Amino acid sequence: MKLRALQSFSGAMGSFHKGQVFEIQDIDVAQNLISSGYAVGVESCPSCGSIIEINS
């Protein structure tokens, strides 16, 4: 799952800065980051290539 960091943070997966897009394979970890307010789910727009937020 692709995520965008809403704030800078460090964890077992590494360090991420605000606005950085990264991928997490573990859906439970990704959902935890989203529900904790650290990140938001994103995907690439197939037609324009932009990164857009997804509502989970």
N, C-alpha and C. Protein backbone atom coordinates (compact mmCIF):
# COMPACT_ATOMS: atom_id res chain seq x y z
N MET A 1 0.86 -1.18 0.00
CA MET A 1 0.00 0.00 0.00
C MET A 1 0.90 1.24 0.00
N LYS A 2 0.58 2.18 -0.88
CA LYS A 2 1.34 3.43 -0.91
C LYS A 2 0.75 4.42 0.07
N LEU A 3 1.64 5.09 0.80
CA LEU A 3 1.24 6.09 1.78
C LEU A 3 2.02 7.38 1.56
N ARG A 4 1.45 8.48 2.03
CA ARG A 4 2.19 9.75 2.08
C ARG A 4 2.24 10.19 3.53
N ALA A 5 3.43 10.50 4.01
CA ALA A 5 3.61 10.93 5.40
C ALA A 5 2.97 12.31 5.60
N LEU A 6 2.15 12.43 6.64
CA LEU A 6 1.52 13.70 6.99
C LEU A 6 2.40 14.50 7.94
N GLN A 7 3.39 13.83 8.52
CA GLN A 7 4.37 14.46 9.41
C GLN A 7 5.63 13.62 9.39
N SER A 8 6.73 14.19 9.79
CA SER A 8 7.97 13.43 9.85
C SER A 8 7.92 12.47 11.03
N PHE A 9 8.40 11.25 10.82
CA PHE A 9 8.43 10.26 11.90
C PHE A 9 9.45 9.19 11.60
N SER A 10 9.85 8.46 12.64
CA SER A 10 10.78 7.34 12.52
C SER A 10 10.14 6.13 13.16
N GLY A 11 10.45 4.97 12.62
CA GLY A 11 9.92 3.74 13.19
C GLY A 11 10.77 2.57 12.76
N ALA A 12 10.26 1.38 12.99
CA ALA A 12 10.99 0.16 12.64
C ALA A 12 11.24 0.07 11.14
N MET A 13 10.39 0.75 10.35
CA MET A 13 10.52 0.70 8.89
C MET A 13 11.51 1.73 8.35
N GLY A 14 11.93 2.66 9.21
CA GLY A 14 12.86 3.70 8.77
C GLY A 14 12.34 5.07 9.15
N SER A 15 12.96 6.10 8.58
CA SER A 15 12.58 7.48 8.84
C SER A 15 11.90 8.05 7.60
N PHE A 16 10.85 8.82 7.82
CA PHE A 16 10.08 9.40 6.73
C PHE A 16 9.87 10.88 7.01
N HIS A 17 9.94 11.70 5.97
CA HIS A 17 9.72 13.13 6.16
C HIS A 17 8.34 13.51 5.63
N LYS A 18 7.80 14.61 6.14
CA LYS A 18 6.48 15.08 5.76
C LYS A 18 6.38 15.21 4.24
N GLY A 19 5.34 14.62 3.67
CA GLY A 19 5.11 14.68 2.23
C GLY A 19 5.72 13.54 1.44
N GLN A 20 6.58 12.75 2.08
CA GLN A 20 7.24 11.64 1.38
C GLN A 20 6.23 10.53 1.07
N VAL A 21 6.28 10.00 -0.15
CA VAL A 21 5.45 8.87 -0.54
C VAL A 21 6.30 7.60 -0.40
N PHE A 22 5.75 6.60 0.25
CA PHE A 22 6.48 5.35 0.47
C PHE A 22 5.50 4.20 0.41
N GLU A 23 6.03 2.98 0.31
CA GLU A 23 5.17 1.80 0.21
C GLU A 23 5.38 0.89 1.41
N ILE A 24 4.28 0.41 1.96
CA ILE A 24 4.29 -0.53 3.09
C ILE A 24 3.59 -1.80 2.62
N GLN A 25 4.25 -2.94 2.77
CA GLN A 25 3.67 -4.22 2.36
C GLN A 25 2.65 -4.75 3.36
N ASP A 26 2.88 -4.48 4.64
CA ASP A 26 2.00 -4.99 5.70
C ASP A 26 0.79 -4.07 5.85
N ILE A 27 -0.37 -4.56 5.44
CA ILE A 27 -1.60 -3.74 5.47
C ILE A 27 -1.94 -3.30 6.89
N ASP A 28 -1.70 -4.16 7.90
CA ASP A 28 -2.00 -3.78 9.28
C ASP A 28 -1.15 -2.60 9.72
N VAL A 29 0.13 -2.60 9.36
CA VAL A 29 1.02 -1.48 9.70
C VAL A 29 0.55 -0.21 8.98
N ALA A 30 0.20 -0.35 7.70
CA ALA A 30 -0.27 0.79 6.93
C ALA A 30 -1.54 1.38 7.56
N GLN A 31 -2.49 0.54 7.91
CA GLN A 31 -3.74 1.02 8.52
C GLN A 31 -3.47 1.69 9.87
N ASN A 32 -2.51 1.17 10.62
CA ASN A 32 -2.15 1.76 11.90
C ASN A 32 -1.57 3.16 11.70
N LEU A 33 -0.70 3.32 10.70
CA LEU A 33 -0.13 4.64 10.41
C LEU A 33 -1.23 5.63 10.00
N ILE A 34 -2.19 5.15 9.20
CA ILE A 34 -3.29 6.01 8.77
C ILE A 34 -4.17 6.39 9.96
N SER A 35 -4.57 5.41 10.75
CA SER A 35 -5.47 5.70 11.88
C SER A 35 -4.79 6.53 12.96
N SER A 36 -3.46 6.46 13.04
CA SER A 36 -2.71 7.25 14.02
C SER A 36 -2.42 8.67 13.53
N GLY A 37 -2.77 8.95 12.28
CA GLY A 37 -2.56 10.29 11.75
C GLY A 37 -1.17 10.56 11.22
N TYR A 38 -0.36 9.51 11.08
CA TYR A 38 1.00 9.70 10.56
C TYR A 38 1.04 9.73 9.04
N ALA A 39 0.06 9.11 8.39
CA ALA A 39 0.10 8.99 6.93
C ALA A 39 -1.31 8.88 6.38
N VAL A 40 -1.40 9.04 5.05
CA VAL A 40 -2.65 8.88 4.33
C VAL A 40 -2.38 7.98 3.14
N GLY A 41 -3.36 7.14 2.80
CA GLY A 41 -3.21 6.26 1.65
C GLY A 41 -3.25 7.05 0.35
N VAL A 42 -2.39 6.70 -0.60
CA VAL A 42 -2.35 7.37 -1.90
C VAL A 42 -2.22 6.33 -3.00
N GLU A 43 -2.53 6.76 -4.22
CA GLU A 43 -2.29 5.93 -5.40
C GLU A 43 -1.95 6.84 -6.56
N SER A 44 -1.37 6.27 -7.60
CA SER A 44 -1.03 7.04 -8.79
C SER A 44 -2.24 7.10 -9.71
N CYS A 45 -2.53 8.29 -10.22
CA CYS A 45 -3.62 8.46 -11.18
C CYS A 45 -3.17 7.86 -12.51
N PRO A 46 -3.89 6.87 -13.03
CA PRO A 46 -3.45 6.20 -14.26
C PRO A 46 -3.40 7.13 -15.48
N SER A 47 -4.27 8.14 -15.53
CA SER A 47 -4.29 9.00 -16.71
C SER A 47 -3.33 10.17 -16.63
N CYS A 48 -3.14 10.75 -15.43
CA CYS A 48 -2.28 11.94 -15.34
C CYS A 48 -0.95 11.68 -14.64
N GLY A 49 -0.84 10.56 -13.90
CA GLY A 49 0.40 10.24 -13.21
C GLY A 49 0.57 10.94 -11.87
N SER A 50 -0.36 11.80 -11.49
CA SER A 50 -0.27 12.48 -10.21
C SER A 50 -0.57 11.51 -9.06
N ILE A 51 -0.06 11.84 -7.89
CA ILE A 51 -0.35 11.07 -6.68
C ILE A 51 -1.60 11.66 -6.05
N ILE A 52 -2.63 10.83 -5.85
CA ILE A 52 -3.88 11.30 -5.27
C ILE A 52 -4.17 10.52 -3.99
N GLU A 53 -4.81 11.18 -3.03
CA GLU A 53 -5.19 10.53 -1.78
C GLU A 53 -6.38 9.63 -2.03
N ILE A 54 -6.40 8.51 -1.30
CA ILE A 54 -7.55 7.60 -1.36
C ILE A 54 -8.21 7.57 0.01
N ASN A 55 -9.50 7.46 0.02
CA ASN A 55 -10.26 7.38 1.27
C ASN A 55 -10.45 5.91 1.61
N SER A 56 -9.98 5.53 2.82
CA SER A 56 -10.13 4.13 3.20
C SER A 56 -11.28 3.95 4.14
